[in-house]
C-alpha atoms as a PDB file:
ATOM      1  CA  MET A   1      46.226  -0.074 -91.500  1.00  0.00           C
ATOM      2  CA  TYR A   2      46.405   3.051 -93.646  1.00  0.00           C
ATOM      3  CA  GLN A   3      43.702   5.672 -93.305  1.00  0.00           C
ATOM      4  CA  GLN A   4      42.858   9.201 -94.369  1.00  0.00           C
ATOM      5  CA  PRO A   5      43.733  12.038 -91.933  1.00  0.00           C
ATOM      6  CA  ASP A   6      40.100  13.093 -91.424  1.00  0.00           C
ATOM      7  CA  LEU A   7      38.900   9.683 -90.178  1.00  0.00           C
ATOM      8  CA  THR A   8      38.451   8.773 -86.504  1.00  0.00           C
ATOM      9  CA  ILE A   9      41.484   7.016 -85.041  1.00  0.00           C
ATOM     10  CA  GLU A  10      40.715   3.834 -83.089  1.00  0.00           C
ATOM     11  CA  GLU A  11      42.851   3.610 -79.946  1.00  0.00           C
ATOM     12  CA  ARG A  12      42.500  -0.167 -79.899  1.00  0.00           C
ATOM     13  CA  LEU A  13      41.493  -2.325 -82.836  1.00  0.00           C
ATOM     14  CA  ASP A  14      41.648  -6.015 -81.961  1.00  0.00           C
ATOM     15  CA  VAL A  15      38.669  -7.145 -83.991  1.00  0.00           C
ATOM     16  CA  ALA A  16      40.866  -9.172 -86.363  1.00  0.00           C
ATOM     17  CA  ALA A  17      43.669 -11.652 -85.601  1.00  0.00           C
ATOM     18  CA  LYS A  18      46.013 -10.305 -82.883  1.00  0.00           C
ATOM     19  CA  GLY A  19      45.160  -6.688 -83.630  1.00  0.00           C
ATOM     20  CA  LEU A  20      46.860  -4.117 -85.791  1.00  0.00           C
ATOM     21  CA  ALA A  21      50.621  -3.717 -85.810  1.00  0.00           C
ATOM     22  CA  ASP A  22      50.446  -0.122 -87.028  1.00  0.00           C
ATOM     23  CA  THR A  23      47.902   2.542 -87.847  1.00  0.00           C
ATOM     24  CA  ILE A  24      49.382   4.951 -90.360  1.00  0.00           C
ATOM     25  CA  ILE A  25      47.680   8.243 -91.143  1.00  0.00           C
ATOM     26  CA  ILE A  26      48.410   9.246 -94.718  1.00  0.00           C
ATOM     27  CA  PRO A  27      46.506  11.042 -97.498  1.00  0.00           C
ATOM     28  CA  LEU A  28      45.244   8.691-100.204  1.00  0.00           C
ATOM     29  CA  THR A  29      45.919  10.353-103.550  1.00  0.00           C
ATOM     30  CA  ASN A  30      43.012  10.693-106.014  1.00  0.00           C
ATOM     31  CA  ALA A  31      40.826   8.590-103.738  1.00  0.00           C
ATOM     32  CA  ARG A  32      37.269   7.762-104.772  1.00  0.00           C
ATOM     33  CA  PHE A  33      34.695   5.167-103.754  1.00  0.00           C
ATOM     34  CA  ARG A  34      31.440   4.977-105.671  1.00  0.00           C
ATOM     35  CA  VAL A  35      28.861   2.282-106.257  1.00  0.00           C
ATOM     36  CA  THR A  36      27.048   2.700-109.567  1.00  0.00           C
ATOM     37  CA  LYS A  37      24.465   0.658-111.454  1.00  0.00           C
ATOM     38  CA  SER A  38      27.400  -1.154-113.062  1.00  0.00           C
ATOM     39  CA  GLY A  39      29.078  -1.951-109.741  1.00  0.00           C
ATOM     40  CA  ILE A  40      32.129  -0.589-107.950  1.00  0.00           C
ATOM     41  CA  ASP A  41      34.256   2.382-109.006  1.00  0.00           C
ATOM     42  CA  VAL A  42      37.172   2.770-106.599  1.00  0.00           C
ATOM     43  CA  ALA A  43      40.693   4.175-106.748  1.00  0.00           C
ATOM     44  CA  PHE A  44      43.443   5.285-104.376  1.00  0.00           C
ATOM     45  CA  ALA A  45      47.212   5.598-104.194  1.00  0.00           C
ATOM     46  CA  PHE A  46      49.685   6.055-101.351  1.00  0.00           C
ATOM     47  CA  GLU A  47      53.240   5.329-100.228  1.00  0.00           C
ATOM     48  CA  ASP A  48      53.500   2.543 -97.666  1.00  0.00           C
ATOM     49  CA  LYS A  49      55.674   2.588 -94.540  1.00  0.00           C
ATOM     50  CA  VAL A  50      58.688   1.134 -96.363  1.00  0.00           C
ATOM     51  CA  GLY A  51      58.446   3.623 -99.215  1.00  0.00           C
ATOM     52  CA  ARG A  52      56.692   1.526-101.867  1.00  0.00           C
ATOM     53  CA  LYS A  53      54.174   3.205-104.147  1.00  0.00           C
ATOM     54  CA  ILE A  54      50.777   1.484-103.975  1.00  0.00           C
ATOM     55  CA  GLU A  55      48.203   2.124-106.715  1.00  0.00           C
ATOM     56  CA  VAL A  56      44.737   0.567-106.939  1.00  0.00           C
ATOM     57  CA  GLU A  57      41.900   1.176-109.391  1.00  0.00           C
ATOM     58  CA  ILE A  58      38.869  -1.076-109.896  1.00  0.00           C
ATOM     59  CA  VAL A  59      36.035  -0.139-112.249  1.00  0.00           C
ATOM     60  CA  GLU A  60      33.124  -2.444-113.094  1.00  0.00           C
ATOM     61  CA  LYS A  61      31.505  -1.737-116.464  1.00  0.00           C
ATOM     62  CA  SER A  62      28.984  -4.551-116.670  1.00  0.00           C
ATOM     63  CA  LEU A  63      25.557  -3.912-118.167  1.00  0.00           C
ATOM     64  CA  LYS A  64      24.060  -6.613-115.928  1.00  0.00           C
ATOM     65  CA  PRO A  65      22.494  -5.255-112.729  1.00  0.00           C
ATOM     66  CA  THR A  66      24.184  -6.168-109.467  1.00  0.00           C
ATOM     67  CA  LYS A  67      22.439  -8.424-106.940  1.00  0.00           C
ATOM     68  CA  PRO A  68      23.705  -7.245-103.546  1.00  0.00           C
ATOM     69  CA  PHE A  69      22.659  -8.838-100.265  1.00  0.00           C
ATOM     70  CA  SER A  70      23.017  -8.287 -96.507  1.00  0.00           C
ATOM     71  CA  LEU A  71      25.821  -9.933 -94.546  1.00  0.00           C
ATOM     72  CA  LEU A  72      27.037 -10.156 -90.967  1.00  0.00           C
ATOM     73  CA  ALA A  73      30.735  -9.645 -91.656  1.00  0.00           C
ATOM     74  CA  PRO A  74      32.782 -12.586 -90.291  1.00  0.00           C
ATOM     75  CA  VAL A  75      35.611 -10.209 -89.387  1.00  0.00           C
ATOM     76  CA  GLY A  76      35.480 -11.417 -85.780  1.00  0.00           C
ATOM     77  CA  SER A  77      36.230 -15.004 -86.784  1.00  0.00           C
ATOM     78  CA  SER A  78      39.992 -14.407 -86.608  1.00  0.00           C
ATOM     79  CA  SER A  79      40.184 -12.255 -83.478  1.00  0.00           C
ATOM     80  CA  ALA A  80      42.583 -13.741 -80.913  1.00  0.00           C
ATOM     81  CA  ASN A  81      41.800 -11.370 -78.046  1.00  0.00           C
ATOM     82  CA  PRO A  82      38.455  -9.673 -78.721  1.00  0.00           C
ATOM     83  CA  SER A  83      37.288  -6.828 -76.520  1.00  0.00           C
ATOM     84  CA  TYR A  84      33.714  -6.841 -77.898  1.00  0.00           C
ATOM     85  CA  LEU A  85      31.425  -8.841 -80.166  1.00  0.00           C
ATOM     86  CA  PRO A  86      31.662  -7.217 -83.618  1.00  0.00           C
ATOM     87  CA  PHE A  87      28.072  -7.100 -84.858  1.00  0.00           C
ATOM     88  CA  TYR A  88      29.172  -5.580 -88.162  1.00  0.00           C
ATOM     89  CA  LEU A  89      26.482  -5.535 -90.825  1.00  0.00           C
ATOM     90  CA  MET A  90      27.163  -4.913 -94.481  1.00  0.00           C
ATOM     91  CA  PHE A  91      24.066  -3.969 -96.436  1.00  0.00           C
ATOM     92  CA  LYS A  92      24.140  -3.891-100.250  1.00  0.00           C
ATOM     93  CA  PHE A  93      27.155  -6.199-100.049  1.00  0.00           C
ATOM     94  CA  ASP A  94      28.592  -7.658-103.250  1.00  0.00           C
ATOM     95  CA  PHE A  95      31.652  -9.164-104.907  1.00  0.00           C
ATOM     96  CA  VAL A  96      33.470  -7.549-107.840  1.00  0.00           C
ATOM     97  CA  ARG A  97      32.588  -9.303-111.090  1.00  0.00           C
ATOM     98  CA  ARG A  98      35.397 -10.392-113.385  1.00  0.00           C
ATOM     99  CA  ALA A  99      33.750  -9.731-116.745  1.00  0.00           C
ATOM    100  CA  ASN A 100      33.940  -6.151-118.065  1.00  0.00           C
ATOM    101  CA  THR A 101      35.965  -4.969-115.071  1.00  0.00           C
ATOM    102  CA  ASP A 102      39.220  -3.011-115.214  1.00  0.00           C
ATOM    103  CA  VAL A 103      41.549  -3.940-112.351  1.00  0.00           C
ATOM    104  CA  THR A 104      44.871  -2.282-111.564  1.00  0.00           C
ATOM    105  CA  ILE A 105      46.832  -3.355-108.491  1.00  0.00           C
ATOM    106  CA  SER A 106      50.382  -2.039-108.593  1.00  0.00           C
ATOM    107  CA  ILE A 107      53.143  -2.191-105.964  1.00  0.00           C
ATOM    108  CA  ASN A 108      56.286  -0.253-106.862  1.00  0.00           C
ATOM    109  CA  GLY A 109      55.352  -0.396-110.534  1.00  0.00           C
ATOM    110  CA  ARG A 110      54.785  -4.147-110.546  1.00  0.00           C
ATOM    111  CA  ASN A 111      51.269  -5.292-111.423  1.00  0.00           C
ATOM    112  CA  HIS A 112      49.540  -7.973-109.348  1.00  0.00           C
ATOM    113  CA  LYS A 113      46.540 -10.170-110.113  1.00  0.00           C
ATOM    114  CA  ALA A 114      43.482 -10.133-107.873  1.00  0.00           C
ATOM    115  CA  ASP A 115      42.413 -13.387-106.204  1.00  0.00           C
ATOM    116  CA  THR A 116      39.327 -15.042-107.654  1.00  0.00           C
ATOM    117  CA  PHE A 117      36.345 -16.687-105.952  1.00  0.00           C
ATOM    118  CA  PRO A 118      36.250 -20.493-106.430  1.00  0.00           C
ATOM    119  CA  PHE A 119      32.755 -20.667-107.949  1.00  0.00           C
ATOM    120  CA  PRO A 120      30.292 -18.323-109.702  1.00  0.00           C
ATOM    121  CA  LEU A 121      28.148 -15.981-107.635  1.00  0.00           C
ATOM    122  CA  ASN A 122      24.614 -15.375-108.931  1.00  0.00           C
ATOM    123  CA  GLY A 123      25.710 -16.660-112.328  1.00  0.00           C
ATOM    124  CA  SER A 124      28.831 -14.469-112.606  1.00  0.00           C
ATOM    125  CA  ARG A 125      32.484 -15.260-112.062  1.00  0.00           C
ATOM    126  CA  VAL A 126      33.811 -12.887-109.414  1.00  0.00           C
ATOM    127  CA  TYR A 127      36.999 -11.749-107.760  1.00  0.00           C
ATOM    128  CA  PHE A 128      37.590 -12.307-104.063  1.00  0.00           C
ATOM    129  CA  MET A 129      37.158  -8.555-103.670  1.00  0.00           C
ATOM    130  CA  ARG A 130      34.005  -7.374-101.943  1.00  0.00           C
ATOM    131  CA  TYR A 131      32.455  -4.070-100.997  1.00  0.00           C
ATOM    132  CA  SER A 132      29.558  -2.274 -99.352  1.00  0.00           C
ATOM    133  CA  ASP A 133      28.698   1.413 -99.200  1.00  0.00           C
ATOM    134  CA  ASP A 134      26.058   0.877 -96.495  1.00  0.00           C
ATOM    135  CA  THR A 135      27.539  -0.477 -93.271  1.00  0.00           C
ATOM    136  CA  PHE A 136      26.254  -0.501 -89.681  1.00  0.00           C
ATOM    137  CA  LEU A 137      28.834  -1.379 -87.022  1.00  0.00           C
ATOM    138  CA  VAL A 138      27.968  -2.282 -83.431  1.00  0.00           C
ATOM    139  CA  ASP A 139      30.601  -3.137 -80.794  1.00  0.00           C
ATOM    140  CA  TRP A 140      28.373  -5.188 -78.490  1.00  0.00           C
ATOM    141  CA  CYS A 141      29.142  -5.414 -74.763  1.00  0.00           C
ATOM    142  CA  PRO A 142      32.688  -3.979 -74.739  1.00  0.00           C
ATOM    143  CA  ALA A 143      34.983  -5.410 -72.069  1.00  0.00           C
ATOM    144  CA  GLN A 144      35.385  -3.021 -69.166  1.00  0.00           C
ATOM    145  CA  SER A 145      36.729  -2.540 -65.668  1.00  0.00           C
ATOM    146  CA  SER A 146      34.755   0.305 -64.147  1.00  0.00           C
ATOM    147  CA  HIS A 147      31.551   1.292 -62.422  1.00  0.00           C
ATOM    148  CA  ALA A 148      28.461  -0.166 -64.045  1.00  0.00           C
ATOM    149  CA  LEU A 149      26.548   2.094 -66.396  1.00  0.00           C
ATOM    150  CA  GLU A 150      24.193   4.616 -64.817  1.00  0.00           C
ATOM    151  CA  LEU A 151      20.983   5.151 -66.786  1.00  0.00           C
ATOM    152  CA  LEU A 152      18.727   8.190 -67.012  1.00  0.00           C
ATOM    153  CA  ILE A 153      14.998   7.882 -66.350  1.00  0.00           C
ATOM    154  CA  GLY A 154      12.911   8.132 -69.515  1.00  0.00           C
ATOM    155  CA  GLU A 155       9.198   7.813 -70.224  1.00  0.00           C
ATOM    156  CA  GLY A 156       7.222   5.060 -68.523  1.00  0.00           C
ATOM    157  CA  ASN A 157       9.255   1.876 -68.252  1.00  0.00           C
ATOM    158  CA  LYS A 158      12.131   3.176 -70.387  1.00  0.00           C
ATOM    159  CA  LEU A 159      15.637   4.285 -69.446  1.00  0.00           C
ATOM    160  CA  ASN A 160      18.126   6.181 -71.584  1.00  0.00           C
ATOM    161  CA  GLY A 161      21.836   5.409 -71.947  1.00  0.00           C
ATOM    162  CA  PRO A 162      24.805   6.681 -73.990  1.00  0.00           C
ATOM    163  CA  ASN A 163      24.880   6.514 -77.800  1.00  0.00           C
ATOM    164  CA  ASN A 164      21.129   6.973 -78.112  1.00  0.00           C
ATOM    165  CA  THR A 165      20.530   3.628 -76.378  1.00  0.00           C
ATOM    166  CA  LEU A 166      17.060   2.818 -75.047  1.00  0.00           C
ATOM    167  CA  TYR A 167      16.501   0.290 -72.229  1.00  0.00           C
ATOM    168  CA  GLU A 168      12.980  -1.135 -71.896  1.00  0.00           C
ATOM    169  CA  LEU A 169      12.070  -2.562 -68.478  1.00  0.00           C
ATOM    170  CA  VAL A 170       9.312  -4.919 -67.378  1.00  0.00           C
ATOM    171  CA  ASP A 171       8.447  -6.532 -64.048  1.00  0.00           C
ATOM    172  CA  HIS A 172       9.536 -10.183 -63.941  1.00  0.00           C
ATOM    173  CA  GLN A 173       9.220 -12.316 -60.808  1.00  0.00           C
ATOM    174  CA  ASN A 174       8.871  -9.175 -58.677  1.00  0.00           C
ATOM    175  CA  CYS A 175      12.125  -7.814 -60.084  1.00  0.00           C
ATOM    176  CA  PRO A 176      12.672  -5.108 -62.731  1.00  0.00           C
ATOM    177  CA  ALA A 177      14.196  -6.704 -65.819  1.00  0.00           C
ATOM    178  CA  PHE A 178      15.391  -5.660 -69.263  1.00  0.00           C
ATOM    179  CA  ALA A 179      13.199  -6.978 -72.063  1.00  0.00           C
ATOM    180  CA  ARG A 180      14.856  -5.030 -74.857  1.00  0.00           C
ATOM    181  CA  ILE A 181      17.870  -2.775 -75.421  1.00  0.00           C
ATOM    182  CA  SER A 182      18.024  -0.846 -78.685  1.00  0.00           C
ATOM    183  CA  THR A 183      19.762   1.942 -80.543  1.00  0.00           C
ATOM    184  CA  ASN A 184      19.706   3.413 -84.036  1.00  0.00           C
ATOM    185  CA  ARG A 185      21.793   5.496 -86.365  1.00  0.00           C
ATOM    186  CA  LYS A 186      20.506   7.089 -89.533  1.00  0.00           C
ATOM    187  CA  ARG A 187      18.356   4.463 -91.296  1.00  0.00           C
ATOM    188  CA  HIS A 188      19.531   1.368 -89.389  1.00  0.00           C
ATOM    189  CA  SER A 189      18.718   0.030 -85.927  1.00  0.00           C
ATOM    190  CA  PHE A 190      20.072  -2.572 -83.507  1.00  0.00           C
ATOM    191  CA  SER A 191      18.327  -4.413 -80.697  1.00  0.00           C
ATOM    192  CA  ALA A 192      19.059  -7.054 -78.069  1.00  0.00           C
ATOM    193  CA  GLU A 193      15.946  -8.845 -76.821  1.00  0.00           C
ATOM    194  CA  PHE A 194      15.934 -11.135 -73.781  1.00  0.00           C
ATOM    195  CA  SER A 195      13.567 -14.016 -72.971  1.00  0.00           C
ATOM    196  CA  PRO A 196      12.833 -14.184 -70.146  1.00  0.00           C
ATOM    197  CA  PRO A 197      13.804 -10.559 -69.489  1.00  0.00           C
ATOM    198  CA  PHE A 198      17.323  -9.999 -68.121  1.00  0.00           C
ATOM    199  CA  PRO A 199      17.160  -9.136 -64.382  1.00  0.00           C
ATOM    200  CA  GLU A 200      18.374  -5.760 -63.136  1.00  0.00           C
ATOM    201  CA  ILE A 201      21.383  -6.850 -61.082  1.00  0.00           C
ATOM    202  CA  THR A 202      20.848  -4.677 -58.002  1.00  0.00           C
ATOM    203  CA  HIS A 203      17.425  -6.272 -57.449  1.00  0.00           C
ATOM    204  CA  ILE A 204      18.536  -9.918 -57.597  1.00  0.00           C
ATOM    205  CA  ALA A 205      18.057 -11.769 -54.312  1.00  0.00           C
ATOM    206  CA  ASP A 206      21.050 -13.502 -52.746  1.00  0.00           C
ATOM    207  CA  ASN A 207      21.697 -17.127 -53.792  1.00  0.00           C
ATOM    208  CA  THR A 208      19.476 -16.719 -56.844  1.00  0.00           C
ATOM    209  CA  SER A 209      20.215 -17.572 -60.475  1.00  0.00           C
ATOM    210  CA  PHE A 210      18.507 -16.901 -63.798  1.00  0.00           C
ATOM    211  CA  SER A 211      19.036 -18.131 -67.340  1.00  0.00           C
ATOM    212  CA  GLY A 212      17.484 -17.372 -70.682  1.00  0.00           C
ATOM    213  CA  GLU A 213      17.994 -16.540 -74.321  1.00  0.00           C
ATOM    214  CA  PHE A 214      18.789 -13.406 -76.272  1.00  0.00           C
ATOM    215  CA  VAL A 215      18.424 -12.325 -79.887  1.00  0.00           C
ATOM    216  CA  LEU A 216      20.563  -9.662 -81.566  1.00  0.00           C
ATOM    217  CA  GLY A 217      18.927  -8.127 -84.601  1.00  0.00           C
ATOM    218  CA  SER A 218      18.798  -5.215 -86.996  1.00  0.00           C
ATOM    219  CA  ASP A 219      17.016  -4.721 -90.309  1.00  0.00           C
ATOM    220  CA  GLU A 220      14.899  -7.653 -91.512  1.00  0.00           C
ATOM    221  CA  SER A 221      17.331  -8.584 -94.303  1.00  0.00           C
ATOM    222  CA  ALA A 222      20.264  -8.915 -91.881  1.00  0.00           C
ATOM    223  CA  GLY A 223      19.009 -11.960 -89.997  1.00  0.00           C
ATOM    224  CA  VAL A 224      19.695 -12.450 -86.277  1.00  0.00           C
ATOM    225  CA  VAL A 225      22.288 -13.791 -83.840  1.00  0.00           C
ATOM    226  CA  ARG A 226      20.913 -16.016 -81.077  1.00  0.00           C
ATOM    227  CA  GLY A 227      22.481 -16.915 -77.762  1.00  0.00           C
ATOM    228  CA  THR A 228      21.995 -17.738 -74.096  1.00  0.00           C
ATOM    229  CA  TYR A 229      22.651 -15.900 -70.849  1.00  0.00           C
ATOM    230  CA  GLU A 230      23.152 -16.889 -67.213  1.00  0.00           C
ATOM    231  CA  VAL A 231      23.045 -14.652 -64.127  1.00  0.00           C
ATOM    232  CA  SER A 232      23.696 -15.624 -60.513  1.00  0.00           C
ATOM    233  CA  ARG A 233      24.235 -13.825 -57.215  1.00  0.00           C
ATOM    234  CA  SER A 234      26.256 -15.004 -54.233  1.00  0.00           C
ATOM    235  CA  GLY A 235      26.644 -12.511 -51.426  1.00  0.00           C
ATOM    236  CA  GLU A 236      27.632  -9.150 -52.856  1.00  0.00           C
ATOM    237  CA  GLU A 237      28.887 -10.557 -56.175  1.00  0.00           C
ATOM    238  CA  VAL A 238      26.908 -11.148 -59.357  1.00  0.00           C
ATOM    239  CA  GLU A 239      28.275 -13.277 -62.194  1.00  0.00           C
ATOM    240  CA  VAL A 240      26.986 -13.028 -65.766  1.00  0.00           C
ATOM    241  CA  THR A 241      27.755 -14.961 -68.949  1.00  0.00           C
ATOM    242  CA  LEU A 242      26.613 -14.247 -72.500  1.00  0.00           C
ATOM    243  CA  ASN A 243      27.261 -16.754 -75.275  1.00  0.00           C
ATOM    244  CA  PRO A 244      25.999 -16.249 -78.861  1.00  0.00           C
ATOM    245  CA  ASN A 245      25.923 -20.042 -79.214  1.00  0.00           C
ATOM    246  CA  GLY A 246      23.086 -20.037 -81.712  1.00  0.00           C
ATOM    247  CA  GLY A 247      25.287 -18.306 -84.277  1.00  0.00           C
ATOM    248  CA  TRP A 248      24.041 -16.118 -87.083  1.00  0.00           C
ATOM    249  CA  GLU A 249      20.759 -16.994 -88.770  1.00  0.00           C
ATOM    250  CA  PRO A 250      20.808 -15.289 -92.185  1.00  0.00           C
ATOM    251  CA  ARG A 251      17.708 -14.605 -94.215  1.00  0.00           C
ATOM    252  CA  PRO A 252      18.821 -15.324 -97.781  1.00  0.00           C
ATOM    253  CA  LYS A 253      16.448 -14.428-100.587  1.00  0.00           C
ATOM    254  CA  THR A 254      17.911 -16.679-103.278  1.00  0.00           C
ATOM    255  CA  HIS A 255      18.736 -20.376-103.592  1.00  0.00           C
ATOM    256  CA  PHE A 256      22.353 -19.473-104.250  1.00  0.00           C
ATOM    257  CA  LEU A 257      22.707 -17.540-100.981  1.00  0.00           C
ATOM    258  CA  ARG A 258      21.127 -20.432 -99.083  1.00  0.00           C
ATOM    259  CA  PHE A 259      23.777 -22.668-100.604  1.00  0.00           C
ATOM    260  CA  LEU A 260      26.568 -20.152 -99.914  1.00  0.00           C
ATOM    261  CA  PHE A 261      25.725 -19.730 -96.228  1.00  0.00           C
ATOM    262  CA  SER A 262      25.317 -23.494 -95.794  1.00  0.00           C
ATOM    263  CA  PHE A 263      28.501 -24.404 -97.658  1.00  0.00           C
ATOM    264  CA  ILE A 264      30.766 -21.780 -96.056  1.00  0.00           C
ATOM    265  CA  LYS A 265      29.897 -22.438 -92.431  1.00  0.00           C
ATOM    266  CA  ILE A 266      32.097 -19.715 -90.964  1.00  0.00           C
ATOM    267  CA  PHE A 267      29.473 -17.124 -91.954  1.00  0.00           C
ATOM    268  CA  ARG A 268      26.959 -18.647 -89.525  1.00  0.00           C
ATOM    269  CA  GLN A 269      29.136 -20.233 -86.879  1.00  0.00           C
ATOM    270  CA  TRP A 270      31.820 -17.726 -85.867  1.00  0.00           C
ATOM    271  CA  PRO A 271      29.684 -15.959 -83.178  1.00  0.00           C
ATOM    272  CA  LYS A 272      29.351 -19.307 -81.357  1.00  0.00           C
ATOM    273  CA  THR A 273      33.021 -19.094 -80.364  1.00  0.00           C
ATOM    274  CA  TYR A 274      32.567 -15.888 -78.318  1.00  0.00           C
ATOM    275  CA  LEU A 275      31.927 -15.870 -74.564  1.00  0.00           C
ATOM    276  CA  TRP A 276      31.360 -12.773 -72.390  1.00  0.00           C
ATOM    277  CA  THR A 277      31.888 -13.120 -68.656  1.00  0.00           C
ATOM    278  CA  ALA A 278      31.407 -10.476 -65.990  1.00  0.00           C
ATOM    279  CA  LYS A 279      31.816 -10.212 -62.239  1.00  0.00           C
ATOM    280  CA  ILE A 280      29.906  -7.362 -60.648  1.00  0.00           C
ATOM    281  CA  LYS A 281      30.593  -6.204 -57.106  1.00  0.00           C
ATOM    282  CA  LEU A 282      27.581  -4.669 -55.387  1.00  0.00           C
ATOM    283  CA  ASN A 283      28.264  -1.717 -53.092  1.00  0.00           C
ATOM    284  CA  LYS A 284      25.657  -0.177 -50.816  1.00  0.00           C
ATOM    285  CA  GLY A 285      25.339   3.528 -51.520  1.00  0.00           C
ATOM    286  CA  ALA A 286      27.639   3.381 -54.564  1.00  0.00           C
ATOM    287  CA  PRO A 287      27.356   2.170 -58.173  1.00  0.00           C
ATOM    288  CA  PRO A 288      28.304  -1.485 -58.761  1.00  0.00           C
ATOM    289  CA  ILE A 289      31.798  -2.188 -60.090  1.00  0.00           C
ATOM    290  CA  MET A 290      32.033  -4.492 -63.102  1.00  0.00           C
ATOM    291  CA  GLU A 291      34.947  -6.491 -64.499  1.00  0.00           C
ATOM    292  CA  SER A 292      34.073  -8.034 -67.852  1.00  0.00           C
ATOM    293  CA  ARG A 293      35.903  -9.654 -70.741  1.00  0.00           C
ATOM    294  CA  TRP A 294      35.441 -11.600 -73.965  1.00  0.00           C
ATOM    295  CA  THR A 295      37.193 -14.887 -74.707  1.00  0.00           C
ATOM    296  CA  ARG A 296      37.166 -17.312 -77.630  1.00  0.00           C
ATOM    297  CA  ILE A 297      35.961 -20.837 -76.866  1.00  0.00           C
END
C-alpha cells in the first residue's frame, strides 16, 4: 500500500486477504480527489518500490447526474486472518461511467486499459472503478488479549467508553444488561442493539447461559447486519460467541440495486463467514481478563 506522509499509519492491516506485504510512505505528486456533479475527478503520480513511474488520472465529464447509493464494503470477504469485523460503510458510492470519461493509467510510460463492469449500472456502461468521498469505518469487536474494558459512569443507565462510545444498560432477569452500544463521528453514527439485552458478564450466575440476536446499524440508507450471540458461565470463566449469520440487509431504493444485491450475493453474505469467540476469566477484586479472536467459518 502506498500512502501520503500525513496519513495515519496502521500498525496492522489484515482486513483484506493475508494482510499487506508493505506499507510505503511516499508523496503522491499532483494528487487530487474531487467528486463533482459530473462524477469523479482524481489524479496522482508516484514511483513504486521497484522504481516504476505510476501515473493515474480519471475525469468524468458526463452531463447526466450521478446516482450514488450506500454500500457495506465487502472488503472483509477476502480476509484470511481478520482481527475485527470491518463494518465499512461507503455513502455516495458510485462506479466510474465509461462515456465522456478521460482515463489515463500509465506504468513506466505504458498505458493500460481499465477493467469494465459486465453489465450496465443505472442505464450506463461503467468501469470496474468505484469511489466514495463519504466513508464511515468501524472496526467492530477487535481481537484482544488484555483486561476487559472499564467503563465510566454516565447519566442514568448509561456508561461511557473510549472513542465516544455510549453503553445503555437495562435490568434483565435481575441482571444488568447492555441493550444498545453506540458511537458517532461527524454526521454518521453506529449502533449495536441486542435482543434480549446482552448480560453484563460479572453479574452472570454460575452454570448459566444466554442467547439472543444483535443488529449492527448506521444511517437508514446503509441497511443493517444481523447476527446471534451466546454467553455462558462455568466457574470463573465466561465464554461468548458473536456470529453475524444474518448477513447484510441492504435497503436499495431502485429496482436495479435490488437486482444487483440479489445477483452478486457476496455483498450480502460475506459477514456470515465471521465468528468472534471470547474466553473471559473472572477475578475477584480485579478486572476480568479477556482473550478474544475472529475466525472465518
